[in-house]
Every structure is written in C-alpha cells, then in structure tokens.
Amino acid sequence: ADYYVVAAKTDIGTGNKAISMFLMDANLNGITKSKLDKLGWRASDTAEIAFNNVQIPAENLMGEEGKGFPYIMKHFALERLIMAINAHARAEYAINYTIEYMSQREAFGKTIDKFQALRHTMVDHATDVEHCKVFNYAAAARLNKGEYVVKEATMAKLKSTKVADETIYSCLQMLGGYGYMEEYPLARLLRDSRLGPIGGGTSEILREILSKMIIDKQNYKPAVSK
C-alpha cells in the first residue's frame, strides 16, 4: 500500500473521544511493517505495522478531530455484512463442489450421491445456507437504502460464519482423504472459513452486542450522520 488510514490518539484521558483518523504516507520515516503468515485468507495482504516517532502533518486529518471511533463504528454494519455474505458464498461453493464430486465417486456399485444419509446431510446444509443467503441479501438491500442495520448485520455474520464452518467441515468429510489434499479446494475453504467467527468482531462479542439489544433493550444509534 502507498497510504495507510490510521486511527490514532490525539488527546489523553478522554476515552474513545481521543481517537482521530489520519491518512499517512506509507513511506514516512519511522514506519516499519512485517508480513504476517496467516492460516487462511492468504490473498489478503496482512502485516504488523510499527510506528517510531512518526510525524503526521495536521492537514492529513480525515474528518473531525476526536471522531475517529464513531467513524469506525459507523462502518461495522457494512463490514459484518460483507463477512456474512462471504461466508454463505463460500459455503454455497463447497456444497456445489461436493455434490458434483458425489455424483462421480462410486462405492458399493453406485455413486455416493445415492446414499440417503449423505443426501440428507447435503440437503440440511443447503437449507441452512439458503436461509443465510436470503437473510443476508435482505439486510444488504436495507443497508443500500440507507437504513441502519446494525442488529441484522450482526446476526447475519454470527449465523452465516457458523453455518459456513459447519458446512465446509462436513463437505470436506464427504471427500474423504481427497478432502485433506491441497489439490482439492475444500482444504483452502476450511482454512479461509476459520476467519469468519474471528475477523470483524468475534462471535462472542457479537452475541454480547445482540444480548444488549435484544435482552437489555439497548438501542444503538448511528454514531455519525455523515
């Protein structure tokens, strides 16, 4: 990257109001970065960035000073919805790939897509993924209209990433030993899927947010209007 968007403290002792957003030149003196070796999502360039007495011009401030945290919060719904849709799409691909494999793999004189237990398992996964897909697209349509869908986006990510994990694990099992081989896509799908319940807010955090909204009747409002 040539530039970084950085959330930095610009005040002391004022909680999240001390955070502001800045645009930074990636080549400034004092910035070091080291690539992180991740389990999955390897196409996503992830690195640890360190700052040592880096000076940022005041004109690099993005938005208003002290509004960094609200700016971040405003986009959580979009981020979580993206993660949810990513999860259901990955699971959908896994199902389609596995069904195609089952139609070719033979055991005991017939293809394994004729075995009732395996057929029913795939139907259950397909049903779960379709539920997530419909819910996710409905939430995305509302977000596209400008509605504040923090609860729906949180639910979408929580459920879709769980369903994707379970579905892909099961699909890999359907392939037997082949599923464990890197030449087949299920191994990569399984690694990539594990980020779902972690990135963009862990499932544990999402459950607590939803608990506050559903049980404690806490009403989250948009952090900033623009």
Protein backbone atom coordinates (compact mmCIF):
# COMPACT_ATOMS: atom_id res chain seq x y z
CA ALA A 1 0.00 0.00 0.00
CA ASP A 2 1.13 3.56 -0.70
CA TYR A 3 -1.02 5.06 2.05
CA TYR A 4 -2.46 3.96 5.38
CA VAL A 5 -5.62 5.09 7.12
CA VAL A 6 -4.66 5.18 10.79
CA ALA A 7 -6.71 5.63 13.95
CA ALA A 8 -4.51 7.45 16.46
CA LYS A 9 -4.94 9.09 19.86
CA THR A 10 -4.88 12.88 19.65
CA ASP A 11 -5.86 13.54 23.26
CA ILE A 12 -5.20 11.97 26.64
CA GLY A 13 -7.80 10.75 29.12
CA THR A 14 -10.98 11.24 27.09
CA GLY A 15 -11.72 7.61 26.18
CA ASN A 16 -12.81 6.94 22.63
CA LYS A 17 -13.16 10.68 22.03
CA ALA A 18 -9.36 10.82 21.96
CA ILE A 19 -9.19 8.92 18.66
CA SER A 20 -8.85 10.64 15.28
CA MET A 21 -8.37 9.34 11.74
CA PHE A 22 -5.36 10.21 9.58
CA LEU A 23 -4.17 9.48 6.06
CA MET A 24 -0.49 8.53 6.19
CA ASP A 25 2.17 8.12 3.54
CA ALA A 26 3.42 4.54 3.88
CA ASN A 27 6.99 5.67 3.19
CA LEU A 28 7.30 8.11 6.09
CA ASN A 29 10.39 7.74 8.27
CA GLY A 30 9.80 5.60 11.34
CA ILE A 31 7.27 3.21 9.80
CA THR A 32 8.18 -0.48 9.68
CA LYS A 33 5.99 -3.34 8.51
CA SER A 34 6.30 -7.11 8.58
CA LYS A 35 4.03 -9.53 6.71
CA LEU A 36 2.04 -11.96 8.86
CA ASP A 37 1.79 -15.62 7.89
CA LYS A 38 -1.88 -16.50 8.30
CA LEU A 39 -3.74 -19.80 8.36
CA GLY A 40 -6.02 -18.68 5.54
CA TRP A 41 -7.08 -15.62 3.52
CA ARG A 42 -3.54 -15.50 2.14
CA ALA A 43 -4.61 -13.34 -0.78
CA SER A 44 -5.39 -10.64 1.78
CA ASP A 45 -2.14 -8.83 2.50
CA THR A 46 -1.94 -8.58 6.28
CA ALA A 47 1.00 -7.06 8.13
CA GLU A 48 2.07 -5.77 11.53
CA ILE A 49 2.85 -2.04 11.29
CA ALA A 50 5.01 -0.26 13.86
CA PHE A 51 5.45 3.49 14.32
CA ASN A 52 8.55 5.01 15.87
CA ASN A 53 8.25 8.79 16.40
CA VAL A 54 6.35 9.21 13.15
CA GLN A 55 5.18 12.77 12.50
CA ILE A 56 1.94 13.36 10.59
CA PRO A 57 1.02 16.76 9.11
CA ALA A 58 -2.12 18.25 10.65
CA GLU A 59 -3.70 18.55 7.21
CA ASN A 60 -3.73 14.74 6.97
CA LEU A 61 -6.59 14.63 9.48
CA MET A 62 -9.61 12.86 8.00
CA GLY A 63 -12.95 14.29 9.11
CA GLU A 64 -13.21 15.89 12.54
CA GLU A 65 -10.71 15.53 15.34
CA GLY A 66 -11.92 13.17 18.06
CA LYS A 67 -14.46 11.45 15.78
CA GLY A 68 -12.27 8.50 14.80
CA PHE A 69 -14.11 5.95 16.92
CA PRO A 70 -17.59 6.93 15.67
CA TYR A 71 -16.31 6.80 12.08
CA ILE A 72 -15.10 3.24 12.67
CA MET A 73 -18.33 2.20 14.41
CA LYS A 74 -20.45 3.54 11.56
CA HIS A 75 -18.94 1.05 9.13
CA PHE A 76 -19.10 -2.03 11.36
CA ALA A 77 -22.50 -2.99 9.92
CA LEU A 78 -21.12 -2.99 6.38
CA GLU A 79 -18.02 -4.94 7.38
CA ARG A 80 -20.04 -7.59 9.19
CA LEU A 81 -22.48 -7.91 6.34
CA ILE A 82 -19.60 -8.39 3.90
CA MET A 83 -18.22 -11.14 6.14
CA ALA A 84 -21.65 -12.78 6.29
CA ILE A 85 -22.12 -12.79 2.53
CA ASN A 86 -18.56 -14.01 2.05
CA ALA A 87 -19.34 -16.90 4.41
CA HIS A 88 -22.56 -18.03 2.76
CA ALA A 89 -21.00 -17.75 -0.71
CA ARG A 90 -18.04 -19.88 0.37
CA ALA A 91 -20.35 -22.49 1.86
CA GLU A 92 -22.51 -22.48 -1.26
CA TYR A 93 -19.46 -23.16 -3.41
CA ALA A 94 -18.43 -26.01 -1.10
CA ILE A 95 -21.87 -27.60 -1.41
CA ASN A 96 -21.92 -27.36 -5.20
CA TYR A 97 -18.40 -28.77 -5.48
CA THR A 98 -19.18 -31.62 -3.10
CA ILE A 99 -22.41 -32.58 -4.85
CA GLU A 100 -20.54 -32.73 -8.16
CA TYR A 101 -17.88 -34.92 -6.54
CA MET A 102 -20.53 -37.20 -5.03
CA SER A 103 -22.11 -37.68 -8.45
CA GLN A 104 -18.82 -39.18 -9.71
CA ARG A 105 -17.49 -41.04 -6.68
CA GLU A 106 -18.64 -44.67 -6.62
CA ALA A 107 -18.91 -47.01 -3.65
CA PHE A 108 -20.66 -50.38 -3.40
CA GLY A 109 -21.74 -50.24 -7.01
CA LYS A 110 -23.31 -46.77 -7.11
CA THR A 111 -22.37 -43.13 -6.83
CA ILE A 112 -22.39 -41.83 -3.27
CA ASP A 113 -25.00 -39.18 -4.06
CA LYS A 114 -27.50 -42.08 -3.97
CA PHE A 115 -26.88 -42.87 -0.30
CA GLN A 116 -29.74 -41.46 1.76
CA ALA A 117 -27.70 -40.37 4.78
CA LEU A 118 -25.30 -38.36 2.61
CA ARG A 119 -28.12 -36.90 0.51
CA HIS A 120 -30.00 -35.74 3.61
CA THR A 121 -26.86 -34.23 5.11
CA MET A 122 -26.28 -32.15 2.00
CA VAL A 123 -29.91 -31.04 1.93
CA ASP A 124 -29.66 -29.86 5.54
CA HIS A 125 -26.54 -27.83 4.73
CA ALA A 126 -28.11 -26.39 1.58
CA THR A 127 -31.17 -25.33 3.58
CA ASP A 128 -29.07 -23.60 6.24
CA VAL A 129 -27.01 -21.77 3.64
CA GLU A 130 -30.09 -20.67 1.71
CA HIS A 131 -31.62 -19.24 4.90
CA CYS A 132 -28.44 -17.24 5.49
CA LYS A 133 -28.33 -16.10 1.88
CA VAL A 134 -31.89 -14.76 1.89
CA PHE A 135 -31.41 -13.00 5.24
CA ASN A 136 -28.06 -11.51 4.19
CA TYR A 137 -29.38 -10.13 0.92
CA ALA A 138 -32.41 -8.65 2.66
CA ALA A 139 -30.13 -6.88 5.16
CA ALA A 140 -27.89 -5.70 2.31
CA ALA A 141 -30.90 -4.25 0.46
CA ARG A 142 -31.92 -2.31 3.57
CA LEU A 143 -28.36 -1.07 4.09
CA ASN A 144 -28.27 0.04 0.46
CA LYS A 145 -31.37 2.15 1.15
CA GLY A 146 -29.53 3.93 3.94
CA GLU A 147 -31.13 2.08 6.85
CA TYR A 148 -29.08 1.40 9.98
CA VAL A 149 -28.99 -2.39 10.18
CA VAL A 150 -26.51 -2.98 12.98
CA LYS A 151 -28.64 -5.73 14.59
CA GLU A 152 -29.35 -7.52 11.33
CA ALA A 153 -25.73 -7.31 10.16
CA THR A 154 -24.53 -8.65 13.49
CA MET A 155 -26.99 -11.54 13.31
CA ALA A 156 -26.01 -12.20 9.70
CA LYS A 157 -22.31 -12.53 10.48
CA LEU A 158 -22.88 -14.57 13.64
CA LYS A 159 -25.09 -17.12 11.91
CA SER A 160 -23.52 -17.25 8.45
CA THR A 161 -19.97 -17.79 9.66
CA LYS A 162 -21.13 -20.60 11.97
CA VAL A 163 -23.10 -22.25 9.16
CA ALA A 164 -20.16 -21.91 6.77
CA ASP A 165 -17.77 -23.53 9.25
CA GLU A 166 -20.10 -26.48 9.82
CA THR A 167 -20.96 -26.88 6.14
CA ILE A 168 -17.40 -26.80 4.84
CA TYR A 169 -16.18 -29.18 7.56
CA SER A 170 -18.90 -31.64 6.56
CA CYS A 171 -18.22 -31.23 2.83
CA LEU A 172 -14.54 -31.95 3.37
CA GLN A 173 -15.54 -35.14 5.18
CA MET A 174 -17.63 -36.18 2.17
CA LEU A 175 -14.48 -36.16 0.04
CA GLY A 176 -12.70 -38.48 2.44
CA GLY A 177 -8.92 -38.46 2.07
CA TYR A 178 -9.15 -36.26 -1.02
CA GLY A 179 -10.63 -33.51 1.10
CA TYR A 180 -7.40 -33.38 3.08
CA MET A 181 -5.30 -32.84 -0.04
CA GLU A 182 -4.24 -29.34 -1.08
CA GLU A 183 -5.03 -30.09 -4.72
CA TYR A 184 -8.73 -30.07 -3.81
CA PRO A 185 -10.40 -26.76 -2.84
CA LEU A 186 -12.02 -27.92 0.40
CA ALA A 187 -8.76 -27.66 2.37
CA ARG A 188 -8.39 -24.00 1.46
CA LEU A 189 -12.08 -23.32 2.07
CA LEU A 190 -11.77 -24.80 5.55
CA ARG A 191 -8.77 -22.60 6.38
CA ASP A 192 -10.40 -19.48 5.00
CA SER A 193 -13.65 -20.21 6.80
CA ARG A 194 -12.00 -20.08 10.23
CA LEU A 195 -11.54 -16.33 9.99
CA GLY A 196 -15.32 -15.86 9.85
CA PRO A 197 -16.04 -16.23 13.59
CA ILE A 198 -12.92 -14.16 14.42
CA GLY A 199 -12.47 -11.27 11.98
CA GLY A 200 -14.71 -8.22 12.02
CA GLY A 201 -15.80 -8.94 15.59
CA THR A 202 -15.62 -12.36 17.22
CA SER A 203 -18.77 -14.43 17.60
CA GLU A 204 -18.53 -13.97 21.37
CA ILE A 205 -18.53 -10.18 21.00
CA LEU A 206 -21.42 -10.33 18.53
CA ARG A 207 -23.51 -12.39 20.95
CA GLU A 208 -22.91 -9.81 23.67
CA ILE A 209 -23.90 -6.95 21.35
CA LEU A 210 -27.10 -8.78 20.43
CA SER A 211 -27.76 -9.59 24.10
CA LYS A 212 -27.67 -5.89 24.91
CA MET A 213 -30.03 -5.10 22.04
CA ILE A 214 -32.49 -7.97 22.49
CA ILE A 215 -32.48 -8.57 26.25
CA ASP A 216 -31.37 -5.22 27.69
CA LYS A 217 -33.32 -3.25 25.04
CA GLN A 218 -30.27 -1.11 24.28
CA ASN A 219 -30.91 0.90 21.13
CA TYR A 220 -27.74 1.52 19.14
CA LYS A 221 -27.96 4.66 17.05
CA PRO A 222 -25.79 5.69 14.10
CA ALA A 223 -22.52 7.01 15.53
CA VAL A 224 -22.25 9.83 12.98
CA SER A 225 -24.68 11.17 10.45
CA LYS A 226 -22.17 11.53 7.63
